[in-house]
Amino acid sequence: MKKFAAFLALAMLLTALFACSAQAATTLKLSHATPRTSTWHQGAEKFVEIVKAKTGGKYDIKIFPSDELSGGNQAAGIELVQTGVTDIHIQDALVWSSVAKKSIVPCFPWLLPTYKDVDKAMQGAGGKAMKAALNEAGVVCLAIGENGYRQVVNNRNPINAPKDMKGLKMRVPGSNVHVNLLKYIGADPLTMNQSEVYTSLQQGTIDACENTLDLLFTQNTLEVVKNISLWNYSYDPIYFSVSKELWSKLSAAEKKIFQDAANEAMKYQIKVTREKDQKLRNRLGEYKIKVVKSLTPENLAAFKKAVAPIYKDNEKNFGKELKEFGYKF
């Protein structure tokens, strides 16, 4: 009897130890708006890798690309992280601007014309202001990555100067800043879902659109256009955020791990984004399109003059933030 009791006690102890060791990891959902082939996804994978290693596998982070959790609706994707349904989220400034209006500031036309300007602003006061803008919108913004410079493609004529855009039916994201600045240039901006752009260009519903080279390639847009101008008119950052609900549950040590992982992941994402952008510029010859590789100083000055009113129009709303990015009224 004593032997049986001892055996039973040992069995119970081993069962308890096994149960503890086999305890399931905490599952978290990470959502972003682009396909698995994008650099956004590479950044997400880097974050997952770092957190898993530093927490000993405590967190099992599942990645959902192309806003799968919100049925492809990017605005709804933001709502999910605001309400805590999604734990971690990556989205660009243009989409975030519908919720956190100040987050659009880095995208103002030719505000950050070079990567040197970008790095100085986003790693300094400008980036700090953008994180604060998202935090006010109900999330915790941990880091900032890069979607890149947005370029223009069209089926009408090469774009070198403002006159080349007069009356151009051009799809733009749902940002008032971008809608208005294109009106100043003389274009006819239209807003529509990204999923409709390919067919709309193909059928002539629109003449033009704009996006980063990464997404122009990924979404096959270059198959249905005749011209591209690499004008770097708008820089588009991406914001890496977590829900307040998740953040409140993390210990101080875990918060540091998540913060450090986000910083490292977005630093890596920026690196691969810039490398990919250069490679894609070299691949434009694969398509039967005319390429304007850059704007002349004179034409760039003409574009800047044409869109200058957009800054004055928004001085009241974004004046403080624009100054953080070095703009002088």
C-alpha atoms as a PDB file:
ATOM      1  CA  MET A   1       0.000   0.000   0.000  1.00  0.00           C
ATOM      2  CA  LYS A   2       2.823   2.372   0.910  1.00  0.00           C
ATOM      3  CA  LYS A   3       4.550   1.587  -2.381  1.00  0.00           C
ATOM      4  CA  PHE A   4       1.338   2.299  -4.291  1.00  0.00           C
ATOM      5  CA  ALA A   5       0.851   5.631  -2.494  1.00  0.00           C
ATOM      6  CA  ALA A   6       4.430   6.625  -3.237  1.00  0.00           C
ATOM      7  CA  PHE A   7       4.000   5.652  -6.890  1.00  0.00           C
ATOM      8  CA  LEU A   8       0.753   7.636  -7.082  1.00  0.00           C
ATOM      9  CA  ALA A   9       2.388  10.700  -5.562  1.00  0.00           C
ATOM     10  CA  LEU A  10       5.295  10.468  -8.009  1.00  0.00           C
ATOM     11  CA  ALA A  11       2.895  10.091 -10.938  1.00  0.00           C
ATOM     12  CA  MET A  12       0.934  13.163  -9.842  1.00  0.00           C
ATOM     13  CA  LEU A  13       4.146  15.170  -9.464  1.00  0.00           C
ATOM     14  CA  LEU A  14       5.363  14.194 -12.939  1.00  0.00           C
ATOM     15  CA  THR A  15       1.967  15.008 -14.420  1.00  0.00           C
ATOM     16  CA  ALA A  16       2.034  18.454 -12.823  1.00  0.00           C
ATOM     17  CA  LEU A  17       5.555  19.118 -14.039  1.00  0.00           C
ATOM     18  CA  PHE A  18       4.662  18.002 -17.564  1.00  0.00           C
ATOM     19  CA  ALA A  19       1.582  20.214 -17.570  1.00  0.00           C
ATOM     20  CA  CYS A  20       3.643  23.230 -16.581  1.00  0.00           C
ATOM     21  CA  SER A  21       6.285  22.573 -19.213  1.00  0.00           C
ATOM     22  CA  ALA A  22       3.672  21.972 -21.885  1.00  0.00           C
ATOM     23  CA  GLN A  23       1.655  25.086 -21.020  1.00  0.00           C
ATOM     24  CA  ALA A  24       0.551  26.755 -24.234  1.00  0.00           C
ATOM     25  CA  ALA A  25       2.208  30.009 -25.244  1.00  0.00           C
ATOM     26  CA  THR A  26       0.140  33.182 -25.288  1.00  0.00           C
ATOM     27  CA  THR A  27      -1.096  33.748 -28.827  1.00  0.00           C
ATOM     28  CA  LEU A  28      -1.025  37.283 -30.216  1.00  0.00           C
ATOM     29  CA  LYS A  29      -2.292  38.609 -33.557  1.00  0.00           C
ATOM     30  CA  LEU A  30      -0.119  40.902 -35.690  1.00  0.00           C
ATOM     31  CA  SER A  31      -1.868  42.478 -38.665  1.00  0.00           C
ATOM     32  CA  HIS A  32      -0.500  44.564 -41.532  1.00  0.00           C
ATOM     33  CA  ALA A  33      -1.884  45.874 -44.827  1.00  0.00           C
ATOM     34  CA  THR A  34       0.464  44.463 -47.466  1.00  0.00           C
ATOM     35  CA  PRO A  35       1.198  41.050 -49.077  1.00  0.00           C
ATOM     36  CA  ARG A  36       3.693  38.540 -47.699  1.00  0.00           C
ATOM     37  CA  THR A  37       6.184  39.622 -50.380  1.00  0.00           C
ATOM     38  CA  SER A  38       6.431  43.164 -48.981  1.00  0.00           C
ATOM     39  CA  THR A  39       9.095  44.600 -46.695  1.00  0.00           C
ATOM     40  CA  TRP A  40       6.343  45.289 -44.157  1.00  0.00           C
ATOM     41  CA  HIS A  41       6.001  41.520 -43.776  1.00  0.00           C
ATOM     42  CA  GLN A  42       9.759  41.159 -43.423  1.00  0.00           C
ATOM     43  CA  GLY A  43       9.689  43.679 -40.596  1.00  0.00           C
ATOM     44  CA  ALA A  44       6.823  41.813 -38.930  1.00  0.00           C
ATOM     45  CA  GLU A  45       8.716  38.521 -39.163  1.00  0.00           C
ATOM     46  CA  LYS A  46      11.800  40.125 -37.617  1.00  0.00           C
ATOM     47  CA  PHE A  47       9.725  41.379 -34.670  1.00  0.00           C
ATOM     48  CA  VAL A  48       8.185  37.943 -34.105  1.00  0.00           C
ATOM     49  CA  GLU A  49      11.622  36.321 -34.233  1.00  0.00           C
ATOM     50  CA  ILE A  50      13.110  38.702 -31.669  1.00  0.00           C
ATOM     51  CA  VAL A  51      10.206  38.504 -29.212  1.00  0.00           C
ATOM     52  CA  LYS A  52      10.132  34.709 -29.384  1.00  0.00           C
ATOM     53  CA  ALA A  53      13.848  34.496 -28.680  1.00  0.00           C
ATOM     54  CA  LYS A  54      13.855  37.016 -25.832  1.00  0.00           C
ATOM     55  CA  THR A  55      10.765  35.631 -24.066  1.00  0.00           C
ATOM     56  CA  GLY A  56      11.703  31.980 -24.422  1.00  0.00           C
ATOM     57  CA  GLY A  57       8.720  31.330 -26.667  1.00  0.00           C
ATOM     58  CA  LYS A  58       6.175  32.709 -24.202  1.00  0.00           C
ATOM     59  CA  TYR A  59       4.431  34.603 -27.006  1.00  0.00           C
ATOM     60  CA  ASP A  60       3.234  32.918 -30.180  1.00  0.00           C
ATOM     61  CA  ILE A  61       2.677  35.821 -32.573  1.00  0.00           C
ATOM     62  CA  LYS A  62       0.630  35.027 -35.689  1.00  0.00           C
ATOM     63  CA  ILE A  63       1.030  37.381 -38.675  1.00  0.00           C
ATOM     64  CA  PHE A  64      -2.010  38.276 -40.789  1.00  0.00           C
ATOM     65  CA  PRO A  65      -0.960  40.112 -44.006  1.00  0.00           C
ATOM     66  CA  SER A  66      -3.188  42.150 -46.347  1.00  0.00           C
ATOM     67  CA  ASP A  67      -5.476  43.114 -43.448  1.00  0.00           C
ATOM     68  CA  GLU A  68      -6.989  39.624 -43.478  1.00  0.00           C
ATOM     69  CA  LEU A  69      -8.550  40.162 -40.051  1.00  0.00           C
ATOM     70  CA  SER A  70     -10.611  43.092 -41.334  1.00  0.00           C
ATOM     71  CA  GLY A  71     -11.468  41.622 -44.722  1.00  0.00           C
ATOM     72  CA  GLY A  72      -8.964  43.862 -46.496  1.00  0.00           C
ATOM     73  CA  ASN A  73     -10.513  47.034 -45.077  1.00  0.00           C
ATOM     74  CA  GLN A  74      -7.539  49.109 -43.933  1.00  0.00           C
ATOM     75  CA  ALA A  75      -9.519  51.606 -41.840  1.00  0.00           C
ATOM     76  CA  ALA A  76     -11.238  48.715 -40.075  1.00  0.00           C
ATOM     77  CA  GLY A  77      -7.807  47.232 -39.451  1.00  0.00           C
ATOM     78  CA  ILE A  78      -6.944  50.287 -37.378  1.00  0.00           C
ATOM     79  CA  GLU A  79     -10.200  49.970 -35.427  1.00  0.00           C
ATOM     80  CA  LEU A  80      -9.296  46.394 -34.503  1.00  0.00           C
ATOM     81  CA  VAL A  81      -6.044  47.423 -32.827  1.00  0.00           C
ATOM     82  CA  GLN A  82      -7.744  50.398 -31.152  1.00  0.00           C
ATOM     83  CA  THR A  83     -10.299  48.059 -29.573  1.00  0.00           C
ATOM     84  CA  GLY A  84      -7.771  45.347 -28.706  1.00  0.00           C
ATOM     85  CA  VAL A  85      -9.153  42.709 -31.096  1.00  0.00           C
ATOM     86  CA  THR A  86      -5.780  42.848 -32.881  1.00  0.00           C
ATOM     87  CA  ASP A  87      -2.747  43.003 -30.601  1.00  0.00           C
ATOM     88  CA  ILE A  88      -0.110  44.431 -32.941  1.00  0.00           C
ATOM     89  CA  HIS A  89      -0.560  46.425 -36.134  1.00  0.00           C
ATOM     90  CA  ILE A  90       1.481  47.992 -38.929  1.00  0.00           C
ATOM     91  CA  GLN A  91      -0.071  50.637 -41.168  1.00  0.00           C
ATOM     92  CA  ASP A  92       1.116  53.628 -43.162  1.00  0.00           C
ATOM     93  CA  ALA A  93       0.575  57.305 -42.463  1.00  0.00           C
ATOM     94  CA  LEU A  94      -1.941  57.816 -45.257  1.00  0.00           C
ATOM     95  CA  VAL A  95      -4.419  55.352 -43.788  1.00  0.00           C
ATOM     96  CA  TRP A  96      -3.723  56.383 -40.202  1.00  0.00           C
ATOM     97  CA  SER A  97      -4.460  60.020 -41.098  1.00  0.00           C
ATOM     98  CA  SER A  98      -8.191  59.285 -41.244  1.00  0.00           C
ATOM     99  CA  VAL A  99      -8.040  58.560 -37.508  1.00  0.00           C
ATOM    100  CA  ALA A 100      -4.973  60.410 -36.236  1.00  0.00           C
ATOM    101  CA  LYS A 101      -4.977  63.452 -38.518  1.00  0.00           C
ATOM    102  CA  LYS A 102      -1.519  64.695 -37.515  1.00  0.00           C
ATOM    103  CA  SER A 103       0.088  61.432 -38.634  1.00  0.00           C
ATOM    104  CA  ILE A 104      -0.076  62.688 -42.250  1.00  0.00           C
ATOM    105  CA  VAL A 105       2.520  65.420 -41.675  1.00  0.00           C
ATOM    106  CA  PRO A 106       5.622  63.498 -42.946  1.00  0.00           C
ATOM    107  CA  CYS A 107       3.746  62.957 -46.238  1.00  0.00           C
ATOM    108  CA  PHE A 108       3.451  66.653 -47.117  1.00  0.00           C
ATOM    109  CA  PRO A 109       4.819  67.292 -50.637  1.00  0.00           C
ATOM    110  CA  TRP A 110       8.589  67.447 -50.846  1.00  0.00           C
ATOM    111  CA  LEU A 111       8.836  68.079 -47.092  1.00  0.00           C
ATOM    112  CA  LEU A 112      11.441  65.294 -46.735  1.00  0.00           C
ATOM    113  CA  PRO A 113      13.147  65.197 -50.148  1.00  0.00           C
ATOM    114  CA  THR A 114      16.075  62.915 -49.228  1.00  0.00           C
ATOM    115  CA  TYR A 115      16.721  59.967 -46.924  1.00  0.00           C
ATOM    116  CA  LYS A 116      19.049  62.206 -44.930  1.00  0.00           C
ATOM    117  CA  ASP A 117      16.119  64.542 -44.268  1.00  0.00           C
ATOM    118  CA  VAL A 118      13.915  61.563 -43.426  1.00  0.00           C
ATOM    119  CA  ASP A 119      16.325  60.061 -40.904  1.00  0.00           C
ATOM    120  CA  LYS A 120      16.963  63.369 -39.166  1.00  0.00           C
ATOM    121  CA  ALA A 121      13.244  64.078 -38.779  1.00  0.00           C
ATOM    122  CA  MET A 122      11.888  60.608 -38.032  1.00  0.00           C
ATOM    123  CA  GLN A 123      14.621  59.806 -35.513  1.00  0.00           C
ATOM    124  CA  GLY A 124      14.168  63.180 -33.839  1.00  0.00           C
ATOM    125  CA  ALA A 125      11.393  65.572 -32.902  1.00  0.00           C
ATOM    126  CA  GLY A 126       9.257  64.724 -35.925  1.00  0.00           C
ATOM    127  CA  GLY A 127       9.088  61.025 -35.162  1.00  0.00           C
ATOM    128  CA  LYS A 128       8.376  61.730 -31.502  1.00  0.00           C
ATOM    129  CA  ALA A 129       5.448  63.948 -32.507  1.00  0.00           C
ATOM    130  CA  MET A 130       4.033  61.241 -34.787  1.00  0.00           C
ATOM    131  CA  LYS A 131       4.161  58.610 -32.027  1.00  0.00           C
ATOM    132  CA  ALA A 132       2.324  61.025 -29.752  1.00  0.00           C
ATOM    133  CA  ALA A 133      -0.347  61.551 -32.419  1.00  0.00           C
ATOM    134  CA  LEU A 134      -1.030  57.803 -32.613  1.00  0.00           C
ATOM    135  CA  ASN A 135      -0.986  57.412 -28.848  1.00  0.00           C
ATOM    136  CA  GLU A 136      -3.706  60.066 -28.651  1.00  0.00           C
ATOM    137  CA  ALA A 137      -5.742  57.916 -31.071  1.00  0.00           C
ATOM    138  CA  GLY A 138      -5.891  55.011 -28.631  1.00  0.00           C
ATOM    139  CA  VAL A 139      -2.871  52.790 -29.352  1.00  0.00           C
ATOM    140  CA  VAL A 140       0.765  52.623 -28.239  1.00  0.00           C
ATOM    141  CA  CYS A 141       3.096  53.450 -31.126  1.00  0.00           C
ATOM    142  CA  LEU A 142       6.406  51.715 -30.490  1.00  0.00           C
ATOM    143  CA  ALA A 143       8.380  52.426 -33.663  1.00  0.00           C
ATOM    144  CA  ILE A 144       8.294  53.884 -37.153  1.00  0.00           C
ATOM    145  CA  GLY A 145       9.237  52.070 -40.347  1.00  0.00           C
ATOM    146  CA  GLU A 146       9.170  53.027 -43.991  1.00  0.00           C
ATOM    147  CA  ASN A 147       6.761  52.557 -46.873  1.00  0.00           C
ATOM    148  CA  GLY A 148       8.979  54.810 -48.982  1.00  0.00           C
ATOM    149  CA  TYR A 149       8.693  57.562 -51.549  1.00  0.00           C
ATOM    150  CA  ARG A 150       5.528  57.587 -53.626  1.00  0.00           C
ATOM    151  CA  GLN A 151       5.924  57.755 -57.406  1.00  0.00           C
ATOM    152  CA  VAL A 152       3.395  58.564 -60.142  1.00  0.00           C
ATOM    153  CA  VAL A 153       2.380  56.292 -63.041  1.00  0.00           C
ATOM    154  CA  ASN A 154      -0.066  57.070 -65.838  1.00  0.00           C
ATOM    155  CA  ASN A 155      -1.360  56.166 -69.279  1.00  0.00           C
ATOM    156  CA  ARG A 156      -1.473  59.632 -70.859  1.00  0.00           C
ATOM    157  CA  ASN A 157       1.926  61.282 -71.054  1.00  0.00           C
ATOM    158  CA  PRO A 158       5.309  61.504 -69.314  1.00  0.00           C
ATOM    159  CA  ILE A 159       5.199  63.792 -66.265  1.00  0.00           C
ATOM    160  CA  ASN A 160       8.050  66.277 -65.982  1.00  0.00           C
ATOM    161  CA  ALA A 161       6.309  69.515 -64.991  1.00  0.00           C
ATOM    162  CA  PRO A 162       2.990  70.652 -63.460  1.00  0.00           C
ATOM    163  CA  LYS A 163       1.519  71.315 -66.917  1.00  0.00           C
ATOM    164  CA  ASP A 164       1.825  67.584 -67.685  1.00  0.00           C
ATOM    165  CA  MET A 165      -0.742  66.818 -64.972  1.00  0.00           C
ATOM    166  CA  LYS A 166      -3.511  69.190 -66.038  1.00  0.00           C
ATOM    167  CA  GLY A 167      -6.813  67.288 -66.038  1.00  0.00           C
ATOM    168  CA  LEU A 168      -5.151  63.953 -65.264  1.00  0.00           C
ATOM    169  CA  LYS A 169      -7.689  61.598 -63.653  1.00  0.00           C
ATOM    170  CA  MET A 170      -5.578  60.277 -60.825  1.00  0.00           C
ATOM    171  CA  ARG A 171      -6.372  57.866 -58.027  1.00  0.00           C
ATOM    172  CA  VAL A 172      -5.056  59.006 -54.655  1.00  0.00           C
ATOM    173  CA  PRO A 173      -5.453  57.627 -51.122  1.00  0.00           C
ATOM    174  CA  GLY A 174      -8.261  59.077 -49.020  1.00  0.00           C
ATOM    175  CA  SER A 175      -6.092  61.860 -47.617  1.00  0.00           C
ATOM    176  CA  ASN A 176      -7.361  65.438 -47.876  1.00  0.00           C
ATOM    177  CA  VAL A 177      -3.779  66.653 -48.077  1.00  0.00           C
ATOM    178  CA  HIS A 178      -3.077  64.567 -51.180  1.00  0.00           C
ATOM    179  CA  VAL A 179      -6.425  65.324 -52.801  1.00  0.00           C
ATOM    180  CA  ASN A 180      -5.916  69.064 -52.396  1.00  0.00           C
ATOM    181  CA  LEU A 181      -2.253  69.212 -53.379  1.00  0.00           C
ATOM    182  CA  LEU A 182      -3.010  67.398 -56.652  1.00  0.00           C
ATOM    183  CA  LYS A 183      -5.779  69.875 -57.368  1.00  0.00           C
ATOM    184  CA  TYR A 184      -3.241  72.677 -56.954  1.00  0.00           C
ATOM    185  CA  ILE A 185      -1.034  70.970 -59.539  1.00  0.00           C
ATOM    186  CA  GLY A 186      -3.992  70.753 -61.914  1.00  0.00           C
ATOM    187  CA  ALA A 187      -4.835  67.049 -61.728  1.00  0.00           C
ATOM    188  CA  ASP A 188      -8.298  65.589 -61.180  1.00  0.00           C
ATOM    189  CA  PRO A 189      -7.842  63.437 -58.056  1.00  0.00           C
ATOM    190  CA  LEU A 190     -10.203  60.548 -57.318  1.00  0.00           C
ATOM    191  CA  THR A 191     -10.335  58.287 -54.281  1.00  0.00           C
ATOM    192  CA  MET A 192     -11.008  54.544 -54.577  1.00  0.00           C
ATOM    193  CA  ASN A 193     -10.008  51.312 -52.908  1.00  0.00           C
ATOM    194  CA  GLN A 194      -6.586  49.996 -53.881  1.00  0.00           C
ATOM    195  CA  SER A 195      -8.220  46.752 -55.018  1.00  0.00           C
ATOM    196  CA  GLU A 196      -9.956  48.660 -57.838  1.00  0.00           C
ATOM    197  CA  VAL A 197      -6.897  50.442 -59.211  1.00  0.00           C
ATOM    198  CA  TYR A 198      -5.542  47.755 -61.571  1.00  0.00           C
ATOM    199  CA  THR A 199      -8.851  47.300 -63.410  1.00  0.00           C
ATOM    200  CA  SER A 200      -9.580  51.046 -63.427  1.00  0.00           C
ATOM    201  CA  LEU A 201      -6.246  51.760 -65.141  1.00  0.00           C
ATOM    202  CA  GLN A 202      -6.781  48.892 -67.539  1.00  0.00           C
ATOM    203  CA  GLN A 203     -10.262  50.100 -68.524  1.00  0.00           C
ATOM    204  CA  GLY A 204      -9.405  53.810 -68.610  1.00  0.00           C
ATOM    205  CA  THR A 205     -11.630  54.788 -65.688  1.00  0.00           C
ATOM    206  CA  ILE A 206      -8.576  56.595 -64.324  1.00  0.00           C
ATOM    207  CA  ASP A 207      -5.440  57.834 -66.093  1.00  0.00           C
ATOM    208  CA  ALA A 208      -2.988  57.617 -63.240  1.00  0.00           C
ATOM    209  CA  CYS A 209      -2.185  56.623 -59.679  1.00  0.00           C
ATOM    210  CA  GLU A 210       0.692  56.943 -57.248  1.00  0.00           C
ATOM    211  CA  ASN A 211       2.369  54.532 -54.868  1.00  0.00           C
ATOM    212  CA  THR A 212       5.754  53.270 -53.727  1.00  0.00           C
ATOM    213  CA  LEU A 213       7.802  51.205 -56.169  1.00  0.00           C
ATOM    214  CA  ASP A 214       7.483  48.203 -53.861  1.00  0.00           C
ATOM    215  CA  LEU A 215       3.692  48.250 -54.086  1.00  0.00           C
ATOM    216  CA  LEU A 216       3.584  49.228 -57.768  1.00  0.00           C
ATOM    217  CA  PHE A 217       5.541  46.025 -58.453  1.00  0.00           C
ATOM    218  CA  THR A 218       3.783  43.869 -55.863  1.00  0.00           C
ATOM    219  CA  GLN A 219       0.312  44.875 -57.071  1.00  0.00           C
ATOM    220  CA  ASN A 220       1.302  44.492 -60.760  1.00  0.00           C
ATOM    221  CA  THR A 221       0.337  48.082 -61.529  1.00  0.00           C
ATOM    222  CA  LEU A 222       3.233  48.456 -63.973  1.00  0.00           C
ATOM    223  CA  GLU A 223       1.547  45.942 -66.271  1.00  0.00           C
ATOM    224  CA  VAL A 224      -1.227  48.412 -67.115  1.00  0.00           C
ATOM    225  CA  VAL A 225       0.550  51.802 -67.363  1.00  0.00           C
ATOM    226  CA  LYS A 226       2.720  53.493 -69.989  1.00  0.00           C
ATOM    227  CA  ASN A 227       4.666  56.094 -67.967  1.00  0.00           C
ATOM    228  CA  ILE A 228       6.346  56.443 -64.605  1.00  0.00           C
ATOM    229  CA  SER A 229       7.966  59.513 -63.046  1.00  0.00           C
ATOM    230  CA  LEU A 230      10.294  59.038 -60.086  1.00  0.00           C
ATOM    231  CA  TRP A 231       9.504  62.366 -58.481  1.00  0.00           C
ATOM    232  CA  ASN A 232       9.666  61.426 -54.755  1.00  0.00           C
ATOM    233  CA  TYR A 233       6.816  63.830 -54.099  1.00  0.00           C
ATOM    234  CA  SER A 234       5.627  62.305 -50.838  1.00  0.00           C
ATOM    235  CA  TYR A 235       7.410  60.261 -48.177  1.00  0.00           C
ATOM    236  CA  ASP A 236       5.269  57.643 -46.483  1.00  0.00           C
ATOM    237  CA  PRO A 237       6.262  56.195 -43.089  1.00  0.00           C
ATOM    238  CA  ILE A 238       4.627  53.172 -41.470  1.00  0.00           C
ATOM    239  CA  TYR A 239       3.653  53.063 -37.817  1.00  0.00           C
ATOM    240  CA  PHE A 240       4.224  49.985 -35.652  1.00  0.00           C
ATOM    241  CA  SER A 241       1.734  49.982 -32.792  1.00  0.00           C
ATOM    242  CA  VAL A 242       0.279  47.697 -30.151  1.00  0.00           C
ATOM    243  CA  SER A 243      -3.117  47.825 -28.475  1.00  0.00           C
ATOM    244  CA  LYS A 244      -3.404  49.515 -25.109  1.00  0.00           C
ATOM    245  CA  GLU A 245      -5.011  46.326 -23.816  1.00  0.00           C
ATOM    246  CA  LEU A 246      -1.925  44.252 -24.664  1.00  0.00           C
ATOM    247  CA  TRP A 247       0.459  46.908 -23.368  1.00  0.00           C
ATOM    248  CA  SER A 248      -1.321  47.026 -20.009  1.00  0.00           C
ATOM    249  CA  LYS A 249      -0.869  43.261 -19.577  1.00  0.00           C
ATOM    250  CA  LEU A 250       2.873  43.194 -20.223  1.00  0.00           C
ATOM    251  CA  SER A 251       5.325  43.327 -17.338  1.00  0.00           C
ATOM    252  CA  ALA A 252       7.949  46.082 -17.277  1.00  0.00           C
ATOM    253  CA  ALA A 253      10.557  43.588 -18.543  1.00  0.00           C
ATOM    254  CA  GLU A 254       8.247  42.445 -21.354  1.00  0.00           C
ATOM    255  CA  LYS A 255       7.478  46.017 -22.363  1.00  0.00           C
ATOM    256  CA  LYS A 256      11.195  46.616 -22.810  1.00  0.00           C
ATOM    257  CA  ILE A 257      11.495  43.458 -24.904  1.00  0.00           C
ATOM    258  CA  PHE A 258       8.587  44.499 -27.134  1.00  0.00           C
ATOM    259  CA  GLN A 259       9.909  48.053 -27.450  1.00  0.00           C
ATOM    260  CA  ASP A 260      13.442  46.947 -28.300  1.00  0.00           C
ATOM    261  CA  ALA A 261      12.110  44.347 -30.744  1.00  0.00           C
ATOM    262  CA  ALA A 262       9.939  46.942 -32.506  1.00  0.00           C
ATOM    263  CA  ASN A 263      12.897  49.329 -32.809  1.00  0.00           C
ATOM    264  CA  GLU A 264      15.156  46.619 -34.209  1.00  0.00           C
ATOM    265  CA  ALA A 265      12.472  45.247 -36.549  1.00  0.00           C
ATOM    266  CA  MET A 266      11.650  48.658 -38.045  1.00  0.00           C
ATOM    267  CA  LYS A 267      15.332  49.534 -38.402  1.00  0.00           C
ATOM    268  CA  TYR A 268      15.735  46.290 -40.353  1.00  0.00           C
ATOM    269  CA  GLN A 269      12.553  46.999 -42.357  1.00  0.00           C
ATOM    270  CA  ILE A 270      13.829  50.439 -43.381  1.00  0.00           C
ATOM    271  CA  LYS A 271      17.134  48.906 -44.509  1.00  0.00           C
ATOM    272  CA  VAL A 272      15.515  46.253 -46.707  1.00  0.00           C
ATOM    273  CA  THR A 273      12.985  48.765 -48.049  1.00  0.00           C
ATOM    274  CA  ARG A 274      15.725  51.079 -49.319  1.00  0.00           C
ATOM    275  CA  GLU A 275      17.698  48.189 -50.782  1.00  0.00           C
ATOM    276  CA  LYS A 276      14.589  46.897 -52.526  1.00  0.00           C
ATOM    277  CA  ASP A 277      13.687  50.338 -53.861  1.00  0.00           C
ATOM    278  CA  GLN A 278      17.057  50.600 -55.592  1.00  0.00           C
ATOM    279  CA  LYS A 279      16.743  47.108 -57.050  1.00  0.00           C
ATOM    280  CA  LEU A 280      13.249  47.880 -58.350  1.00  0.00           C
ATOM    281  CA  ARG A 281      14.459  51.081 -60.025  1.00  0.00           C
ATOM    282  CA  ASN A 282      16.912  48.901 -61.924  1.00  0.00           C
ATOM    283  CA  ARG A 283      14.092  46.553 -62.971  1.00  0.00           C
ATOM    284  CA  LEU A 284      11.859  49.173 -64.597  1.00  0.00           C
ATOM    285  CA  GLY A 285      13.335  48.191 -67.950  1.00  0.00           C
ATOM    286  CA  GLU A 286      11.426  44.908 -67.703  1.00  0.00           C
ATOM    287  CA  TYR A 287       8.245  46.810 -68.541  1.00  0.00           C
ATOM    288  CA  LYS A 288       7.289  48.657 -71.703  1.00  0.00           C
ATOM    289  CA  ILE A 289       7.010  52.018 -70.005  1.00  0.00           C
ATOM    290  CA  LYS A 290       8.663  55.404 -70.382  1.00  0.00           C
ATOM    291  CA  VAL A 291      10.679  56.359 -67.313  1.00  0.00           C
ATOM    292  CA  VAL A 292      11.348  59.870 -66.028  1.00  0.00           C
ATOM    293  CA  LYS A 293      14.212  59.067 -63.656  1.00  0.00           C
ATOM    294  CA  SER A 294      14.104  62.380 -61.806  1.00  0.00           C
ATOM    295  CA  LEU A 295      12.841  65.946 -62.021  1.00  0.00           C
ATOM    296  CA  THR A 296      15.146  68.733 -63.148  1.00  0.00           C
ATOM    297  CA  PRO A 297      15.821  71.418 -60.514  1.00  0.00           C
ATOM    298  CA  GLU A 298      13.658  73.836 -62.530  1.00  0.00           C
ATOM    299  CA  ASN A 299      10.707  71.455 -62.764  1.00  0.00           C
ATOM    300  CA  LEU A 300      11.025  70.490 -59.109  1.00  0.00           C
ATOM    301  CA  ALA A 301      10.907  74.185 -58.202  1.00  0.00           C
ATOM    302  CA  ALA A 302       7.774  74.572 -60.341  1.00  0.00           C
ATOM    303  CA  PHE A 303       6.064  71.682 -58.553  1.00  0.00           C
ATOM    304  CA  LYS A 304       7.007  73.065 -55.133  1.00  0.00           C
ATOM    305  CA  LYS A 305       5.630  76.460 -56.089  1.00  0.00           C
ATOM    306  CA  ALA A 306       2.374  74.890 -57.289  1.00  0.00           C
ATOM    307  CA  VAL A 307       1.787  72.971 -54.037  1.00  0.00           C
ATOM    308  CA  ALA A 308       3.017  75.686 -51.646  1.00  0.00           C
ATOM    309  CA  PRO A 309      -0.554  76.728 -50.718  1.00  0.00           C
ATOM    310  CA  ILE A 310      -1.151  73.329 -49.102  1.00  0.00           C
ATOM    311  CA  TYR A 311       1.207  74.328 -46.296  1.00  0.00           C
ATOM    312  CA  LYS A 312      -0.555  77.620 -45.666  1.00  0.00           C
ATOM    313  CA  ASP A 313      -3.923  75.872 -45.753  1.00  0.00           C
ATOM    314  CA  ASN A 314      -2.805  73.507 -42.995  1.00  0.00           C
ATOM    315  CA  GLU A 315      -0.809  75.863 -40.791  1.00  0.00           C
ATOM    316  CA  LYS A 316      -3.625  76.013 -38.244  1.00  0.00           C
ATOM    317  CA  ASN A 317      -4.061  72.226 -38.064  1.00  0.00           C
ATOM    318  CA  PHE A 318      -0.474  71.030 -38.392  1.00  0.00           C
ATOM    319  CA  GLY A 319       1.733  74.101 -37.959  1.00  0.00           C
ATOM    320  CA  LYS A 320       3.465  72.873 -34.797  1.00  0.00           C
ATOM    321  CA  GLU A 321       4.165  69.425 -36.260  1.00  0.00           C
ATOM    322  CA  LEU A 322       5.366  70.810 -39.604  1.00  0.00           C
ATOM    323  CA  LYS A 323       7.875  72.939 -37.726  1.00  0.00           C
ATOM    324  CA  GLU A 324       9.066  69.773 -35.927  1.00  0.00           C
ATOM    325  CA  PHE A 325       9.899  68.482 -39.411  1.00  0.00           C
ATOM    326  CA  GLY A 326      11.837  71.609 -40.265  1.00  0.00           C
ATOM    327  CA  TYR A 327       9.259  73.496 -42.325  1.00  0.00           C
ATOM    328  CA  LYS A 328       9.450  77.275 -42.030  1.00  0.00           C
ATOM    329  CA  PHE A 329       6.302  79.253 -42.696  1.00  0.00           C
END
